Amino acid sequence: MSVNRTQVLHAAAALLSRKATATMDEVARAAGIGRATLHRHFAGRDALVRALEQMCIEETEAALDAARIDEGPADEAVRRLIGASEPVAPLLAFLVTENQLFEGDQQNAGWARLDARIAGLFRRGQEEGVFRIDLTPAWLSEAFYGLVGSCAWAVADGRVAAKDYQYMIAELLLGGARRSVEK
């Protein structure tokens, strides 16, 4: 029987997004394979997390592309990005809590690419006069990641309706990021 690595990663992502402490046995069961098969593809939890990290980076880059963040007003681009990020949000929520991904020389350059693109969007919004200039683009990017992750957890726990994901993030993020108009 051939094992589809992508399907295994998606099953692992779905489980780990709900239960970050899941064991490799639980991941194998969720993927419908045996533990030995899982270990043939991923030597251990670290290898699995690294593979999930790469998948998340690729899917988030695809979301950035789909959102066309370089087109139109920056606040509209942020709304599109929030919508495009929804499918990858649970995995992103899991990965941002995996501290080993962000420490030392082993940090994946993909995170820096994502950060640069998202920060660039907020910087553009500042240059357009749409976003506050007292909040750095790096901070606004972190706020974006935090809200996406938090909302993904809240949806998974049933505390927030999935249909409210985009609205709740956009209103809180843009409400805090927008430059107030002087009267």
C-alpha atoms as a PDB file:
ATOM      1  CA  MET A   1       0.000   0.000   0.000  1.00  0.00           C
ATOM      2  CA  SER A   2       1.388   3.363  -1.038  1.00  0.00           C
ATOM      3  CA  VAL A   3       1.238   6.137   1.528  1.00  0.00           C
ATOM      4  CA  ASN A   4       0.496   9.638   0.291  1.00  0.00           C
ATOM      5  CA  ARG A   5       2.851  11.891   2.260  1.00  0.00           C
ATOM      6  CA  THR A   6       0.683  14.967   1.677  1.00  0.00           C
ATOM      7  CA  GLN A   7      -2.385  13.187   3.038  1.00  0.00           C
ATOM      8  CA  VAL A   8      -0.398  12.089   6.097  1.00  0.00           C
ATOM      9  CA  LEU A   9       0.769  15.664   6.659  1.00  0.00           C
ATOM     10  CA  HIS A  10      -2.767  17.018   6.360  1.00  0.00           C
ATOM     11  CA  ALA A  11      -4.056  14.418   8.824  1.00  0.00           C
ATOM     12  CA  ALA A  12      -1.215  15.271  11.215  1.00  0.00           C
ATOM     13  CA  ALA A  13      -1.931  18.980  10.812  1.00  0.00           C
ATOM     14  CA  ALA A  14      -5.623  18.486  11.541  1.00  0.00           C
ATOM     15  CA  LEU A  15      -4.859  16.512  14.695  1.00  0.00           C
ATOM     16  CA  LEU A  16      -2.014  18.689  15.961  1.00  0.00           C
ATOM     17  CA  SER A  17      -4.048  21.810  15.326  1.00  0.00           C
ATOM     18  CA  ARG A  18      -6.616  20.485  17.779  1.00  0.00           C
ATOM     19  CA  LYS A  19      -4.229  18.657  20.121  1.00  0.00           C
ATOM     20  CA  ALA A  20      -0.700  20.077  20.024  1.00  0.00           C
ATOM     21  CA  THR A  21       0.581  17.422  22.440  1.00  0.00           C
ATOM     22  CA  ALA A  22      -0.584  14.449  20.360  1.00  0.00           C
ATOM     23  CA  THR A  23       1.838  11.531  20.297  1.00  0.00           C
ATOM     24  CA  MET A  24       3.259   9.967  17.156  1.00  0.00           C
ATOM     25  CA  ASP A  25       0.936   6.986  17.803  1.00  0.00           C
ATOM     26  CA  GLU A  26      -2.052   9.335  17.751  1.00  0.00           C
ATOM     27  CA  VAL A  27      -0.774  11.008  14.582  1.00  0.00           C
ATOM     28  CA  ALA A  28      -0.395   7.596  12.891  1.00  0.00           C
ATOM     29  CA  ARG A  29      -3.946   6.612  13.890  1.00  0.00           C
ATOM     30  CA  ALA A  30      -5.313   9.945  12.620  1.00  0.00           C
ATOM     31  CA  ALA A  31      -3.545   9.371   9.302  1.00  0.00           C
ATOM     32  CA  GLY A  32      -4.885   5.818   9.071  1.00  0.00           C
ATOM     33  CA  ILE A  33      -1.427   4.241   9.052  1.00  0.00           C
ATOM     34  CA  GLY A  34       0.715   2.312  11.485  1.00  0.00           C
ATOM     35  CA  ARG A  35       3.338   3.889  13.681  1.00  0.00           C
ATOM     36  CA  ALA A  36       6.129   2.093  11.790  1.00  0.00           C
ATOM     37  CA  THR A  37       4.886   3.535   8.497  1.00  0.00           C
ATOM     38  CA  LEU A  38       4.761   7.010  10.012  1.00  0.00           C
ATOM     39  CA  HIS A  39       8.333   6.601  11.260  1.00  0.00           C
ATOM     40  CA  ARG A  40       9.505   5.513   7.808  1.00  0.00           C
ATOM     41  CA  HIS A  41       8.337   8.891   6.513  1.00  0.00           C
ATOM     42  CA  PHE A  42       9.224  10.990   9.572  1.00  0.00           C
ATOM     43  CA  ALA A  43      12.008   9.820  11.892  1.00  0.00           C
ATOM     44  CA  GLY A  44      10.352  11.473  14.872  1.00  0.00           C
ATOM     45  CA  ARG A  45       8.224  14.358  16.025  1.00  0.00           C
ATOM     46  CA  ASP A  46      10.853  16.933  15.074  1.00  0.00           C
ATOM     47  CA  ALA A  47      10.982  15.658  11.485  1.00  0.00           C
ATOM     48  CA  LEU A  48       7.180  15.674  11.319  1.00  0.00           C
ATOM     49  CA  VAL A  49       6.982  19.218  12.681  1.00  0.00           C
ATOM     50  CA  ARG A  50       9.634  20.367  10.186  1.00  0.00           C
ATOM     51  CA  ALA A  51       7.640  18.826   7.328  1.00  0.00           C
ATOM     52  CA  LEU A  52       4.479  20.537   8.619  1.00  0.00           C
ATOM     53  CA  GLU A  53       6.424  23.782   8.844  1.00  0.00           C
ATOM     54  CA  GLN A  54       7.447  23.530   5.194  1.00  0.00           C
ATOM     55  CA  MET A  55       3.872  22.726   4.161  1.00  0.00           C
ATOM     56  CA  CYS A  56       2.564  25.689   6.187  1.00  0.00           C
ATOM     57  CA  ILE A  57       5.081  28.073   4.640  1.00  0.00           C
ATOM     58  CA  GLU A  58       4.160  26.902   1.141  1.00  0.00           C
ATOM     59  CA  GLU A  59       0.426  27.168   1.825  1.00  0.00           C
ATOM     60  CA  THR A  60       0.791  30.592   3.466  1.00  0.00           C
ATOM     61  CA  GLU A  61       2.831  31.829   0.487  1.00  0.00           C
ATOM     62  CA  ALA A  62       0.043  30.543  -1.768  1.00  0.00           C
ATOM     63  CA  ALA A  63      -2.493  32.426   0.390  1.00  0.00           C
ATOM     64  CA  LEU A  64      -0.425  35.605   0.021  1.00  0.00           C
ATOM     65  CA  ASP A  65      -0.401  35.117  -3.753  1.00  0.00           C
ATOM     66  CA  ALA A  66      -4.138  34.381  -3.865  1.00  0.00           C
ATOM     67  CA  ALA A  67      -4.866  37.493  -1.789  1.00  0.00           C
ATOM     68  CA  ARG A  68      -3.031  39.677  -4.338  1.00  0.00           C
ATOM     69  CA  ILE A  69      -1.591  41.731  -1.493  1.00  0.00           C
ATOM     70  CA  ASP A  70       0.173  44.125  -3.865  1.00  0.00           C
ATOM     71  CA  GLU A  71      -3.093  45.188  -5.503  1.00  0.00           C
ATOM     72  CA  GLY A  72      -5.554  47.844  -4.398  1.00  0.00           C
ATOM     73  CA  PRO A  73      -5.704  49.685  -1.100  1.00  0.00           C
ATOM     74  CA  ALA A  74      -3.716  48.039   1.700  1.00  0.00           C
ATOM     75  CA  ASP A  75      -6.687  47.615   4.039  1.00  0.00           C
ATOM     76  CA  GLU A  76      -8.610  45.759   1.323  1.00  0.00           C
ATOM     77  CA  ALA A  77      -5.537  43.596   0.688  1.00  0.00           C
ATOM     78  CA  VAL A  78      -5.403  42.757   4.417  1.00  0.00           C
ATOM     79  CA  ARG A  79      -9.057  41.670   4.281  1.00  0.00           C
ATOM     80  CA  ARG A  80      -8.286  39.446   1.292  1.00  0.00           C
ATOM     81  CA  LEU A  81      -5.269  38.016   3.114  1.00  0.00           C
ATOM     82  CA  ILE A  82      -7.365  37.183   6.167  1.00  0.00           C
ATOM     83  CA  GLY A  83      -9.817  35.297   3.965  1.00  0.00           C
ATOM     84  CA  ALA A  84      -7.068  33.516   2.041  1.00  0.00           C
ATOM     85  CA  SER A  85      -5.332  32.533   5.286  1.00  0.00           C
ATOM     86  CA  GLU A  86      -8.335  30.703   6.705  1.00  0.00           C
ATOM     87  CA  PRO A  87      -7.484  27.223   5.316  1.00  0.00           C
ATOM     88  CA  VAL A  88      -3.941  27.333   6.730  1.00  0.00           C
ATOM     89  CA  ALA A  89      -4.897  29.056  10.017  1.00  0.00           C
ATOM     90  CA  PRO A  90      -5.150  25.894  12.172  1.00  0.00           C
ATOM     91  CA  LEU A  91      -1.700  24.726  11.086  1.00  0.00           C
ATOM     92  CA  LEU A  92      -0.279  28.200  11.588  1.00  0.00           C
ATOM     93  CA  ALA A  93      -1.839  28.262  15.071  1.00  0.00           C
ATOM     94  CA  PHE A  94      -0.039  25.027  15.933  1.00  0.00           C
ATOM     95  CA  LEU A  95       3.299  26.023  14.432  1.00  0.00           C
ATOM     96  CA  VAL A  96       3.587  29.439  16.068  1.00  0.00           C
ATOM     97  CA  THR A  97       3.661  27.615  19.417  1.00  0.00           C
ATOM     98  CA  GLU A  98       6.499  25.319  18.317  1.00  0.00           C
ATOM     99  CA  ASN A  99       9.382  27.350  19.738  1.00  0.00           C
ATOM    100  CA  GLN A 100      12.122  25.179  18.244  1.00  0.00           C
ATOM    101  CA  LEU A 101      11.099  26.427  14.806  1.00  0.00           C
ATOM    102  CA  PHE A 102      12.134  29.962  15.668  1.00  0.00           C
ATOM    103  CA  GLU A 103      15.377  29.368  17.529  1.00  0.00           C
ATOM    104  CA  GLY A 104      18.964  28.998  16.427  1.00  0.00           C
ATOM    105  CA  ASP A 105      20.555  28.410  13.065  1.00  0.00           C
ATOM    106  CA  GLN A 106      17.914  25.937  11.939  1.00  0.00           C
ATOM    107  CA  GLN A 107      15.220  28.583  11.404  1.00  0.00           C
ATOM    108  CA  ASN A 108      13.550  28.123   8.041  1.00  0.00           C
ATOM    109  CA  ALA A 109      14.141  31.062   5.699  1.00  0.00           C
ATOM    110  CA  GLY A 110      10.516  30.714   4.609  1.00  0.00           C
ATOM    111  CA  TRP A 111       9.360  32.466   7.783  1.00  0.00           C
ATOM    112  CA  ALA A 112      11.510  35.474   6.891  1.00  0.00           C
ATOM    113  CA  ARG A 113       9.952  35.560   3.404  1.00  0.00           C
ATOM    114  CA  LEU A 114       6.454  35.469   4.889  1.00  0.00           C
ATOM    115  CA  ASP A 115       7.305  38.138   7.441  1.00  0.00           C
ATOM    116  CA  ALA A 116       8.802  40.394   4.749  1.00  0.00           C
ATOM    117  CA  ARG A 117       5.750  40.117   2.520  1.00  0.00           C
ATOM    118  CA  ILE A 118       3.246  40.731   5.306  1.00  0.00           C
ATOM    119  CA  ALA A 119       5.289  43.561   6.830  1.00  0.00           C
ATOM    120  CA  GLY A 120       5.581  45.041   3.334  1.00  0.00           C
ATOM    121  CA  LEU A 121       1.802  45.110   3.084  1.00  0.00           C
ATOM    122  CA  PHE A 122       1.509  46.994   6.376  1.00  0.00           C
ATOM    123  CA  ARG A 123       4.361  49.340   5.380  1.00  0.00           C
ATOM    124  CA  ARG A 124       2.532  50.096   2.137  1.00  0.00           C
ATOM    125  CA  GLY A 125      -0.593  50.855   4.157  1.00  0.00           C
ATOM    126  CA  GLN A 126       1.380  53.271   6.294  1.00  0.00           C
ATOM    127  CA  GLU A 127       2.765  54.964   3.191  1.00  0.00           C
ATOM    128  CA  GLU A 128      -0.788  55.235   1.811  1.00  0.00           C
ATOM    129  CA  GLY A 129      -1.834  56.912   5.051  1.00  0.00           C
ATOM    130  CA  VAL A 130      -4.253  54.082   5.878  1.00  0.00           C
ATOM    131  CA  PHE A 131      -2.396  52.494   8.818  1.00  0.00           C
ATOM    132  CA  ARG A 132      -0.947  54.046  11.938  1.00  0.00           C
ATOM    133  CA  ILE A 133       2.736  54.885  11.782  1.00  0.00           C
ATOM    134  CA  ASP A 134       3.316  54.488  15.530  1.00  0.00           C
ATOM    135  CA  LEU A 135       2.944  50.695  15.151  1.00  0.00           C
ATOM    136  CA  THR A 136       5.781  49.049  13.262  1.00  0.00           C
ATOM    137  CA  PRO A 137       5.056  46.843  10.263  1.00  0.00           C
ATOM    138  CA  ALA A 138       6.783  43.998  12.145  1.00  0.00           C
ATOM    139  CA  TRP A 139       4.383  44.424  15.086  1.00  0.00           C
ATOM    140  CA  LEU A 140       1.352  44.565  12.801  1.00  0.00           C
ATOM    141  CA  SER A 141       2.584  41.350  11.158  1.00  0.00           C
ATOM    142  CA  GLU A 142       2.885  39.660  14.551  1.00  0.00           C
ATOM    143  CA  ALA A 143      -0.615  40.899  15.415  1.00  0.00           C
ATOM    144  CA  PHE A 144      -1.878  39.341  12.168  1.00  0.00           C
ATOM    145  CA  TYR A 145      -0.268  35.964  13.018  1.00  0.00           C
ATOM    146  CA  GLY A 146      -1.552  36.134  16.574  1.00  0.00           C
ATOM    147  CA  LEU A 147      -5.124  36.902  15.588  1.00  0.00           C
ATOM    148  CA  VAL A 148      -5.165  34.246  12.864  1.00  0.00           C
ATOM    149  CA  GLY A 149      -3.836  31.658  15.300  1.00  0.00           C
ATOM    150  CA  SER A 150      -6.117  32.681  18.145  1.00  0.00           C
ATOM    151  CA  CYS A 151      -9.193  32.673  15.954  1.00  0.00           C
ATOM    152  CA  ALA A 152      -8.258  29.272  14.536  1.00  0.00           C
ATOM    153  CA  TRP A 153      -8.067  27.866  18.082  1.00  0.00           C
ATOM    154  CA  ALA A 154     -11.359  29.527  19.022  1.00  0.00           C
ATOM    155  CA  VAL A 155     -13.085  28.077  15.957  1.00  0.00           C
ATOM    156  CA  ALA A 156     -11.621  24.613  16.656  1.00  0.00           C
ATOM    157  CA  ASP A 157     -12.848  24.803  20.272  1.00  0.00           C
ATOM    158  CA  GLY A 158     -16.321  25.904  19.180  1.00  0.00           C
ATOM    159  CA  ARG A 159     -16.047  29.261  20.949  1.00  0.00           C
ATOM    160  CA  VAL A 160     -16.274  31.160  17.663  1.00  0.00           C
ATOM    161  CA  ALA A 161     -18.386  30.261  14.645  1.00  0.00           C
ATOM    162  CA  ALA A 162     -16.288  29.484  11.570  1.00  0.00           C
ATOM    163  CA  LYS A 163     -18.408  31.920   9.565  1.00  0.00           C
ATOM    164  CA  ASP A 164     -17.163  34.748  11.828  1.00  0.00           C
ATOM    165  CA  TYR A 165     -13.436  34.042  11.311  1.00  0.00           C
ATOM    166  CA  GLN A 166     -12.805  36.709   8.681  1.00  0.00           C
ATOM    167  CA  TYR A 167     -15.034  39.362  10.229  1.00  0.00           C
ATOM    168  CA  MET A 168     -13.648  39.061  13.746  1.00  0.00           C
ATOM    169  CA  ILE A 169      -9.985  39.179  12.691  1.00  0.00           C
ATOM    170  CA  ALA A 170     -10.475  42.005  10.196  1.00  0.00           C
ATOM    171  CA  GLU A 171     -12.425  44.168  12.606  1.00  0.00           C
ATOM    172  CA  LEU A 172      -9.954  43.795  15.455  1.00  0.00           C
ATOM    173  CA  LEU A 173      -6.796  44.025  13.350  1.00  0.00           C
ATOM    174  CA  LEU A 174      -7.908  46.817  11.060  1.00  0.00           C
ATOM    175  CA  GLY A 175      -9.705  48.625  13.858  1.00  0.00           C
ATOM    176  CA  GLY A 176      -6.434  48.868  15.753  1.00  0.00           C
ATOM    177  CA  ALA A 177      -4.191  49.437  12.740  1.00  0.00           C
ATOM    178  CA  ARG A 178      -6.150  52.132  10.922  1.00  0.00           C
ATOM    179  CA  ARG A 179      -4.993  55.653  11.199  1.00  0.00           C
ATOM    180  CA  SER A 180      -7.644  57.861  12.763  1.00  0.00           C
ATOM    181  CA  VAL A 181      -8.890  60.691  10.628  1.00  0.00           C
ATOM    182  CA  GLU A 182      -8.450  64.074  12.296  1.00  0.00           C
ATOM    183  CA  LYS A 183     -11.654  66.122  12.367  1.00  0.00           C
END
